[in-house]
Amino acid sequence: MDIFRASRTERRKDNFTGDVWAETFIARPGEFLHGCIFFAPSARTFWHRHERGQILHVTAGAGLVCSAGGPVREIFTGDVVWIPPGERHWHGAASHSFMVHVVTSFGNTEWFEEVADADYAG
């Protein structure tokens, strides 16, 4: 059995738009990352994808998630989102709310460009 302590809360600027803070619980590079992310209203990730998929569990607030070529979808407290391996996507807080989610990302993450305000539509 292992017990992991959360890292100190860190402000994230690379690969994010807006005010975002994160705590990492477990990081095993190339295998998985498990942590918690706080998004201020309208804050969001850049476009990205995960080698072996990602799980988001919204624990507070309201947000948005979008896969490339798909519609922007709303997510709320209690929702769990599965993003399949290799699916290019973004996620973040709605314009009217903060959002907190617990995240588990599998494999390596590949980051792309910033999500344009017109595409965010939050």
Foldseek 3Di string as FASTA:
>chain_A
DDAFDWDPWDWDDPQKDATKIWIWGDDDAQFKTKIKMKFFAPMKGAWKFAQAWKKKAWQAAKKWKDWVPGAIDIDHHGDMDIGGGPTTMMMAHHNVIMIMIIMMTGGDMDGDGGQDPVRRVD
